[in-house]
């Protein structure tokens, strides 16, 4: 029996941030509170943020899309996030270069990613289907799986939340494992799986379930008692004596 761990199902809500269009006072408050949002605002003539506008410098620097990292003319929109500033068109995904605008984005270290590029580059992928795991999943042998992809190697039944075991690093449901690999009881011919604490008895090359280890004649349990083999059968000493009389 092997356990699986549940992966976080909150990746999107935890990572995807939003941009907001707000005024100068709200920008100041956002900075003071170090809020985890990107702020979209506009340079206006004679605005209260004039001093701040004079200090504007696009984070992209020499790679500024407008060609001037200090451009602050009226009507130019800017983005602010974590004390850094960009022209609106410069606030773009570092991979696909698409402007974020008011869409969701994910910051990583000093870079900004759109949701699609981030998931393509960093998101956890299912070891079976290679697709991104966006909500929930399980880990098995330190590898991630979609819940629906984590199935029995033989019958493909979903194993998430079910009892299972493994052989050669592959997972099997209890029923398939018993049918394919387990020893079989000499008496009932059913597999002896051991799942759930099932006890069994072995003698020479034969095996029995604990409850199947009985005298072939009187059906008395032979567990913990002496017994005698009689061809393919096992019998208790009392029945053996009667056969010899």
C-alpha atoms as a PDB file:
ATOM      1  CA  UNK A   1       0.000   0.000   0.000  1.00  0.00           C
ATOM      2  CA  UNK A   2       1.392   3.377  -0.986  1.00  0.00           C
ATOM      3  CA  UNK A   3       0.143   6.861  -0.075  1.00  0.00           C
ATOM      4  CA  UNK A   4      -0.149   9.877  -2.359  1.00  0.00           C
ATOM      5  CA  UNK A   5       0.089  13.544  -1.448  1.00  0.00           C
ATOM      6  CA  UNK A   6      -2.424  16.149  -2.555  1.00  0.00           C
ATOM      7  CA  UNK A   7      -0.982  19.024  -4.550  1.00  0.00           C
ATOM      8  CA  UNK A   8      -2.139  22.580  -4.008  1.00  0.00           C
ATOM      9  CA  UNK A   9      -5.333  23.468  -5.859  1.00  0.00           C
ATOM     10  CA  UNK A  10      -4.846  27.209  -5.408  1.00  0.00           C
ATOM     11  CA  UNK A  11      -2.065  27.933  -7.872  1.00  0.00           C
ATOM     12  CA  UNK A  12      -4.069  30.414  -9.922  1.00  0.00           C
ATOM     13  CA  UNK A  13      -5.483  32.358  -6.978  1.00  0.00           C
ATOM     14  CA  UNK A  14      -2.074  32.455  -5.328  1.00  0.00           C
ATOM     15  CA  UNK A  15      -0.020  33.542  -8.329  1.00  0.00           C
ATOM     16  CA  UNK A  16      -2.138  35.510 -10.753  1.00  0.00           C
ATOM     17  CA  UNK A  17      -2.119  39.218  -9.888  1.00  0.00           C
ATOM     18  CA  UNK A  18      -4.194  41.940 -11.471  1.00  0.00           C
ATOM     19  CA  UNK A  19      -3.594  45.446 -12.759  1.00  0.00           C
ATOM     20  CA  UNK A  20      -5.820  48.321 -11.645  1.00  0.00           C
ATOM     21  CA  UNK A  21      -6.487  51.797 -13.004  1.00  0.00           C
ATOM     22  CA  UNK A  22      -6.503  54.246 -10.076  1.00  0.00           C
ATOM     23  CA  UNK A  23      -5.799  57.860  -9.233  1.00  0.00           C
ATOM     24  CA  UNK A  24      -2.742  59.578  -7.784  1.00  0.00           C
ATOM     25  CA  UNK A  25      -3.896  59.370  -4.157  1.00  0.00           C
ATOM     26  CA  UNK A  26      -4.583  55.692  -4.474  1.00  0.00           C
ATOM     27  CA  UNK A  27      -1.151  55.182  -6.065  1.00  0.00           C
ATOM     28  CA  UNK A  28       0.465  56.776  -3.042  1.00  0.00           C
ATOM     29  CA  UNK A  29      -1.525  54.583  -0.667  1.00  0.00           C
ATOM     30  CA  UNK A  30      -0.681  51.456  -2.663  1.00  0.00           C
ATOM     31  CA  UNK A  31       3.027  52.286  -2.408  1.00  0.00           C
ATOM     32  CA  UNK A  32       2.789  52.938   1.313  1.00  0.00           C
ATOM     33  CA  UNK A  33       1.056  49.611   1.849  1.00  0.00           C
ATOM     34  CA  UNK A  34       3.352  47.783  -0.575  1.00  0.00           C
ATOM     35  CA  UNK A  35       0.270  46.265  -2.165  1.00  0.00           C
ATOM     36  CA  UNK A  36       0.708  43.305  -4.476  1.00  0.00           C
ATOM     37  CA  UNK A  37      -1.008  44.874  -7.485  1.00  0.00           C
ATOM     38  CA  UNK A  38       0.209  46.656 -10.583  1.00  0.00           C
ATOM     39  CA  UNK A  39      -1.178  50.176 -10.862  1.00  0.00           C
ATOM     40  CA  UNK A  40      -2.129  51.695 -14.215  1.00  0.00           C
ATOM     41  CA  UNK A  41      -2.201  55.500 -14.261  1.00  0.00           C
ATOM     42  CA  UNK A  42      -1.625  58.398 -16.649  1.00  0.00           C
ATOM     43  CA  UNK A  43       0.693  61.408 -16.771  1.00  0.00           C
ATOM     44  CA  UNK A  44      -1.536  64.475 -16.694  1.00  0.00           C
ATOM     45  CA  UNK A  45      -0.527  68.131 -17.057  1.00  0.00           C
ATOM     46  CA  UNK A  46      -0.441  69.948 -13.715  1.00  0.00           C
ATOM     47  CA  UNK A  47      -1.295  66.739 -11.861  1.00  0.00           C
ATOM     48  CA  UNK A  48      -0.532  66.361  -8.156  1.00  0.00           C
ATOM     49  CA  UNK A  49       2.045  63.691  -9.051  1.00  0.00           C
ATOM     50  CA  UNK A  50       4.170  66.156 -11.079  1.00  0.00           C
ATOM     51  CA  UNK A  51       7.281  65.704  -8.916  1.00  0.00           C
ATOM     52  CA  UNK A  52       6.920  61.967  -9.149  1.00  0.00           C
ATOM     53  CA  UNK A  53       6.552  62.197 -12.917  1.00  0.00           C
ATOM     54  CA  UNK A  54       9.815  64.089 -13.180  1.00  0.00           C
ATOM     55  CA  UNK A  55      11.504  61.182 -11.388  1.00  0.00           C
ATOM     56  CA  UNK A  56       9.942  58.566 -13.667  1.00  0.00           C
ATOM     57  CA  UNK A  57      12.336  56.103 -15.309  1.00  0.00           C
ATOM     58  CA  UNK A  58      11.068  53.072 -17.234  1.00  0.00           C
ATOM     59  CA  UNK A  59      12.354  49.849 -15.690  1.00  0.00           C
ATOM     60  CA  UNK A  60      13.335  48.517 -19.134  1.00  0.00           C
ATOM     61  CA  UNK A  61      15.967  51.257 -19.404  1.00  0.00           C
ATOM     62  CA  UNK A  62      17.854  50.924 -22.685  1.00  0.00           C
ATOM     63  CA  UNK A  63      15.239  48.402 -23.845  1.00  0.00           C
ATOM     64  CA  UNK A  64      12.362  50.875 -23.346  1.00  0.00           C
ATOM     65  CA  UNK A  65       9.843  50.379 -26.142  1.00  0.00           C
ATOM     66  CA  UNK A  66       9.251  54.103 -26.528  1.00  0.00           C
ATOM     67  CA  UNK A  67      12.959  54.718 -26.922  1.00  0.00           C
ATOM     68  CA  UNK A  68      13.098  57.118 -23.972  1.00  0.00           C
ATOM     69  CA  UNK A  69      12.990  55.609 -20.458  1.00  0.00           C
ATOM     70  CA  UNK A  70      12.303  59.111 -19.009  1.00  0.00           C
ATOM     71  CA  UNK A  71       9.356  59.944 -21.271  1.00  0.00           C
ATOM     72  CA  UNK A  72       6.658  61.647 -19.155  1.00  0.00           C
ATOM     73  CA  UNK A  73       4.608  63.722 -21.576  1.00  0.00           C
ATOM     74  CA  UNK A  74       0.918  64.256 -20.811  1.00  0.00           C
ATOM     75  CA  UNK A  75      -1.312  61.356 -21.867  1.00  0.00           C
ATOM     76  CA  UNK A  76       1.385  58.705 -21.487  1.00  0.00           C
ATOM     77  CA  UNK A  77       0.166  55.784 -19.397  1.00  0.00           C
ATOM     78  CA  UNK A  78       2.430  54.078 -16.904  1.00  0.00           C
ATOM     79  CA  UNK A  79       2.457  50.967 -14.772  1.00  0.00           C
ATOM     80  CA  UNK A  80       3.775  50.687 -11.217  1.00  0.00           C
ATOM     81  CA  UNK A  81       4.483  47.488  -9.340  1.00  0.00           C
ATOM     82  CA  UNK A  82       6.578  46.920  -6.215  1.00  0.00           C
ATOM     83  CA  UNK A  83       8.144  50.424  -6.447  1.00  0.00           C
ATOM     84  CA  UNK A  84       9.164  49.857 -10.085  1.00  0.00           C
ATOM     85  CA  UNK A  85       7.699  51.746 -13.047  1.00  0.00           C
ATOM     86  CA  UNK A  86       7.116  51.024 -16.735  1.00  0.00           C
ATOM     87  CA  UNK A  87       5.446  52.715 -19.661  1.00  0.00           C
ATOM     88  CA  UNK A  88       2.174  50.874 -20.280  1.00  0.00           C
ATOM     89  CA  UNK A  89       3.531  49.170 -23.414  1.00  0.00           C
ATOM     90  CA  UNK A  90       6.779  48.312 -21.621  1.00  0.00           C
ATOM     91  CA  UNK A  91       4.958  46.399 -18.887  1.00  0.00           C
ATOM     92  CA  UNK A  92       5.005  43.210 -20.909  1.00  0.00           C
ATOM     93  CA  UNK A  93       5.691  39.497 -20.611  1.00  0.00           C
ATOM     94  CA  UNK A  94       9.435  38.847 -20.664  1.00  0.00           C
ATOM     95  CA  UNK A  95       8.886  35.797 -22.895  1.00  0.00           C
ATOM     96  CA  UNK A  96       6.270  36.676 -25.530  1.00  0.00           C
ATOM     97  CA  UNK A  97       6.677  40.469 -25.148  1.00  0.00           C
ATOM     98  CA  UNK A  98       2.891  40.957 -25.116  1.00  0.00           C
ATOM     99  CA  UNK A  99       1.785  44.010 -23.097  1.00  0.00           C
ATOM    100  CA  UNK A 100       0.033  42.926 -19.899  1.00  0.00           C
ATOM    101  CA  UNK A 101      -2.491  45.792 -19.862  1.00  0.00           C
ATOM    102  CA  UNK A 102      -5.176  44.896 -17.299  1.00  0.00           C
ATOM    103  CA  UNK A 103      -4.740  41.133 -17.661  1.00  0.00           C
ATOM    104  CA  UNK A 104      -3.427  38.725 -15.055  1.00  0.00           C
ATOM    105  CA  UNK A 105       0.324  38.377 -14.645  1.00  0.00           C
ATOM    106  CA  UNK A 106       2.807  36.484 -12.506  1.00  0.00           C
ATOM    107  CA  UNK A 107       5.990  38.077 -11.118  1.00  0.00           C
ATOM    108  CA  UNK A 108       9.035  35.827 -10.692  1.00  0.00           C
ATOM    109  CA  UNK A 109      12.236  37.296  -9.303  1.00  0.00           C
ATOM    110  CA  UNK A 110      12.670  40.493 -11.347  1.00  0.00           C
ATOM    111  CA  UNK A 111      10.673  39.372 -14.375  1.00  0.00           C
ATOM    112  CA  UNK A 112       7.005  39.678 -15.345  1.00  0.00           C
ATOM    113  CA  UNK A 113       5.178  36.829 -17.113  1.00  0.00           C
ATOM    114  CA  UNK A 114       1.758  36.568 -18.688  1.00  0.00           C
ATOM    115  CA  UNK A 115      -0.273  33.649 -17.328  1.00  0.00           C
ATOM    116  CA  UNK A 116       0.226  31.499 -20.439  1.00  0.00           C
ATOM    117  CA  UNK A 117       4.006  31.878 -20.628  1.00  0.00           C
ATOM    118  CA  UNK A 118       4.428  31.328 -16.908  1.00  0.00           C
ATOM    119  CA  UNK A 119       2.489  28.085 -17.015  1.00  0.00           C
ATOM    120  CA  UNK A 120       4.402  26.948 -20.098  1.00  0.00           C
ATOM    121  CA  UNK A 121       7.753  27.649 -18.449  1.00  0.00           C
ATOM    122  CA  UNK A 122       7.273  26.939 -14.738  1.00  0.00           C
ATOM    123  CA  UNK A 123       3.945  25.290 -13.954  1.00  0.00           C
ATOM    124  CA  UNK A 124       3.811  21.722 -12.667  1.00  0.00           C
ATOM    125  CA  UNK A 125       3.105  19.192 -15.427  1.00  0.00           C
ATOM    126  CA  UNK A 126       1.587  15.754 -15.142  1.00  0.00           C
ATOM    127  CA  UNK A 127       4.198  13.021 -15.590  1.00  0.00           C
ATOM    128  CA  UNK A 128       1.730  10.969 -17.663  1.00  0.00           C
ATOM    129  CA  UNK A 129       0.095  13.443 -20.079  1.00  0.00           C
ATOM    130  CA  UNK A 130       2.611  16.337 -19.806  1.00  0.00           C
ATOM    131  CA  UNK A 131      -0.224  18.877 -19.455  1.00  0.00           C
ATOM    132  CA  UNK A 132      -0.205  21.616 -16.790  1.00  0.00           C
ATOM    133  CA  UNK A 133      -1.766  20.739 -13.427  1.00  0.00           C
ATOM    134  CA  UNK A 134      -3.828  23.840 -12.626  1.00  0.00           C
ATOM    135  CA  UNK A 135      -6.110  22.581  -9.859  1.00  0.00           C
ATOM    136  CA  UNK A 136      -5.321  19.671  -7.594  1.00  0.00           C
ATOM    137  CA  UNK A 137      -3.455  16.493  -8.382  1.00  0.00           C
ATOM    138  CA  UNK A 138      -1.363  13.905  -6.576  1.00  0.00           C
ATOM    139  CA  UNK A 139       2.308  13.094  -6.178  1.00  0.00           C
ATOM    140  CA  UNK A 140       3.598   9.538  -6.412  1.00  0.00           C
ATOM    141  CA  UNK A 141       7.291   8.652  -6.175  1.00  0.00           C
ATOM    142  CA  UNK A 142       7.922  12.424  -5.983  1.00  0.00           C
ATOM    143  CA  UNK A 143       6.334  12.947  -9.402  1.00  0.00           C
ATOM    144  CA  UNK A 144       3.146  14.952 -10.116  1.00  0.00           C
ATOM    145  CA  UNK A 145       0.005  13.484 -11.702  1.00  0.00           C
ATOM    146  CA  UNK A 146      -3.472  14.727 -12.548  1.00  0.00           C
ATOM    147  CA  UNK A 147      -5.893  12.820 -10.335  1.00  0.00           C
ATOM    148  CA  UNK A 148      -7.560  11.402 -13.440  1.00  0.00           C
ATOM    149  CA  UNK A 149      -4.169  10.331 -14.879  1.00  0.00           C
ATOM    150  CA  UNK A 150      -3.092   8.442 -11.773  1.00  0.00           C
ATOM    151  CA  UNK A 151      -4.559   5.063 -12.689  1.00  0.00           C
ATOM    152  CA  UNK A 152      -3.911   1.351 -12.252  1.00  0.00           C
ATOM    153  CA  UNK A 153      -1.262   0.153 -14.699  1.00  0.00           C
ATOM    154  CA  UNK A 154      -3.411  -2.862 -15.641  1.00  0.00           C
ATOM    155  CA  UNK A 155      -7.101  -1.823 -15.596  1.00  0.00           C
ATOM    156  CA  UNK A 156      -6.788   2.001 -15.691  1.00  0.00           C
ATOM    157  CA  UNK A 157      -9.150   2.565 -12.761  1.00  0.00           C
ATOM    158  CA  UNK A 158      -8.438   5.858 -10.948  1.00  0.00           C
ATOM    159  CA  UNK A 159      -6.270   5.282  -7.864  1.00  0.00           C
ATOM    160  CA  UNK A 160      -6.543   8.723  -6.217  1.00  0.00           C
ATOM    161  CA  UNK A 161      -8.117   8.156  -2.808  1.00  0.00           C
ATOM    162  CA  UNK A 162      -8.100   4.364  -3.265  1.00  0.00           C
ATOM    163  CA  UNK A 163      -5.966   1.584  -1.820  1.00  0.00           C
ATOM    164  CA  UNK A 164      -3.191   0.525  -4.145  1.00  0.00           C
ATOM    165  CA  UNK A 165       0.264  -0.983  -4.179  1.00  0.00           C
ATOM    166  CA  UNK A 166       3.154  -1.030  -6.621  1.00  0.00           C
ATOM    167  CA  UNK A 167       5.444  -3.412  -8.457  1.00  0.00           C
ATOM    168  CA  UNK A 168       8.497  -2.400 -10.494  1.00  0.00           C
ATOM    169  CA  UNK A 169       7.701   1.262  -9.662  1.00  0.00           C
ATOM    170  CA  UNK A 170       4.251   0.974 -11.295  1.00  0.00           C
ATOM    171  CA  UNK A 171       0.983   1.438  -9.347  1.00  0.00           C
ATOM    172  CA  UNK A 172      -1.732  -1.215  -9.316  1.00  0.00           C
ATOM    173  CA  UNK A 173      -5.124  -1.356  -7.666  1.00  0.00           C
ATOM    174  CA  UNK A 174      -5.413  -4.027  -4.966  1.00  0.00           C
ATOM    175  CA  UNK A 175      -7.570  -6.309  -7.123  1.00  0.00           C
ATOM    176  CA  UNK A 176      -5.249  -6.266 -10.143  1.00  0.00           C
ATOM    177  CA  UNK A 177      -2.156  -6.694  -8.016  1.00  0.00           C
ATOM    178  CA  UNK A 178      -3.670  -9.753  -6.376  1.00  0.00           C
ATOM    179  CA  UNK A 179      -4.743 -11.301  -9.683  1.00  0.00           C
ATOM    180  CA  UNK A 180      -1.424 -10.632 -11.402  1.00  0.00           C
ATOM    181  CA  UNK A 181       1.248 -11.130  -8.759  1.00  0.00           C
ATOM    182  CA  UNK A 182      -0.007 -12.476  -5.419  1.00  0.00           C
ATOM    183  CA  UNK A 183       0.373 -16.036  -4.142  1.00  0.00           C
ATOM    184  CA  UNK A 184      -2.816 -18.081  -4.395  1.00  0.00           C
ATOM    185  CA  UNK A 185      -4.457 -20.008  -1.630  1.00  0.00           C
ATOM    186  CA  UNK A 186      -4.198 -23.780  -2.092  1.00  0.00           C
ATOM    187  CA  UNK A 187      -7.712 -24.212  -0.698  1.00  0.00           C
ATOM    188  CA  UNK A 188      -9.834 -21.474  -2.336  1.00  0.00           C
ATOM    189  CA  UNK A 189      -7.484 -20.458  -5.193  1.00  0.00           C
ATOM    190  CA  UNK A 190      -8.039 -16.762  -4.436  1.00  0.00           C
ATOM    191  CA  UNK A 191      -5.038 -14.391  -4.246  1.00  0.00           C
ATOM    192  CA  UNK A 192      -3.363 -13.773  -0.910  1.00  0.00           C
ATOM    193  CA  UNK A 193      -2.706 -10.036  -1.044  1.00  0.00           C
ATOM    194  CA  UNK A 194      -1.871  -9.181   2.539  1.00  0.00           C
ATOM    195  CA  UNK A 195      -3.719  -5.840   2.191  1.00  0.00           C
ATOM    196  CA  UNK A 196      -5.639  -5.021   5.347  1.00  0.00           C
ATOM    197  CA  UNK A 197      -3.515  -7.285   7.531  1.00  0.00           C
ATOM    198  CA  UNK A 198      -4.550 -10.642   5.994  1.00  0.00           C
ATOM    199  CA  UNK A 199      -2.517 -13.473   7.537  1.00  0.00           C
ATOM    200  CA  UNK A 200      -1.484 -16.609   5.680  1.00  0.00           C
ATOM    201  CA  UNK A 201       0.334 -19.883   6.223  1.00  0.00           C
ATOM    202  CA  UNK A 202       3.011 -21.385   3.984  1.00  0.00           C
ATOM    203  CA  UNK A 203       4.172 -24.994   3.942  1.00  0.00           C
ATOM    204  CA  UNK A 204       6.706 -26.227   1.415  1.00  0.00           C
ATOM    205  CA  UNK A 205       5.466 -24.718  -1.881  1.00  0.00           C
ATOM    206  CA  UNK A 206       1.853 -24.241  -0.819  1.00  0.00           C
ATOM    207  CA  UNK A 207       0.068 -21.298   0.791  1.00  0.00           C
ATOM    208  CA  UNK A 208      -3.251 -20.814   2.569  1.00  0.00           C
ATOM    209  CA  UNK A 209      -5.328 -17.947   3.871  1.00  0.00           C
ATOM    210  CA  UNK A 210      -5.425 -18.033   7.650  1.00  0.00           C
ATOM    211  CA  UNK A 211      -9.119 -19.028   7.579  1.00  0.00           C
ATOM    212  CA  UNK A 212      -8.595 -21.633   4.831  1.00  0.00           C
ATOM    213  CA  UNK A 213      -5.955 -23.611   6.733  1.00  0.00           C
ATOM    214  CA  UNK A 214      -8.309 -26.325   7.992  1.00  0.00           C
ATOM    215  CA  UNK A 215      -8.453 -30.108   8.141  1.00  0.00           C
ATOM    216  CA  UNK A 216      -9.743 -31.532   4.858  1.00  0.00           C
ATOM    217  CA  UNK A 217     -11.887 -34.051   6.780  1.00  0.00           C
ATOM    218  CA  UNK A 218     -13.383 -32.322   9.852  1.00  0.00           C
ATOM    219  CA  UNK A 219     -12.781 -28.685   8.772  1.00  0.00           C
ATOM    220  CA  UNK A 220     -11.175 -27.846  12.141  1.00  0.00           C
ATOM    221  CA  UNK A 221      -8.679 -24.984  11.995  1.00  0.00           C
ATOM    222  CA  UNK A 222      -5.085 -26.192  11.951  1.00  0.00           C
ATOM    223  CA  UNK A 223      -3.552 -22.805  12.756  1.00  0.00           C
ATOM    224  CA  UNK A 224      -1.085 -23.309  15.582  1.00  0.00           C
ATOM    225  CA  UNK A 225      -1.643 -27.082  15.589  1.00  0.00           C
ATOM    226  CA  UNK A 226       0.179 -30.074  14.187  1.00  0.00           C
ATOM    227  CA  UNK A 227      -1.074 -31.526  10.913  1.00  0.00           C
ATOM    228  CA  UNK A 228      -0.346 -34.344   8.482  1.00  0.00           C
ATOM    229  CA  UNK A 229      -0.245 -34.159   4.726  1.00  0.00           C
ATOM    230  CA  UNK A 230      -2.421 -36.606   2.857  1.00  0.00           C
ATOM    231  CA  UNK A 231      -1.627 -36.166  -0.812  1.00  0.00           C
ATOM    232  CA  UNK A 232      -2.884 -32.697  -1.753  1.00  0.00           C
ATOM    233  CA  UNK A 233      -4.793 -32.405   1.544  1.00  0.00           C
ATOM    234  CA  UNK A 234      -3.815 -31.541   5.088  1.00  0.00           C
ATOM    235  CA  UNK A 235      -5.563 -33.262   7.977  1.00  0.00           C
ATOM    236  CA  UNK A 236      -5.489 -33.048  11.746  1.00  0.00           C
ATOM    237  CA  UNK A 237      -3.835 -35.853  13.790  1.00  0.00           C
ATOM    238  CA  UNK A 238      -7.230 -37.179  14.997  1.00  0.00           C
ATOM    239  CA  UNK A 239      -8.543 -37.627  11.456  1.00  0.00           C
ATOM    240  CA  UNK A 240      -5.199 -39.176  10.422  1.00  0.00           C
ATOM    241  CA  UNK A 241      -5.563 -41.802  13.176  1.00  0.00           C
ATOM    242  CA  UNK A 242      -9.094 -42.660  12.069  1.00  0.00           C
ATOM    243  CA  UNK A 243      -7.892 -43.179   8.485  1.00  0.00           C
ATOM    244  CA  UNK A 244      -5.236 -45.628   9.698  1.00  0.00           C
ATOM    245  CA  UNK A 245      -7.671 -47.696  11.795  1.00  0.00           C
END
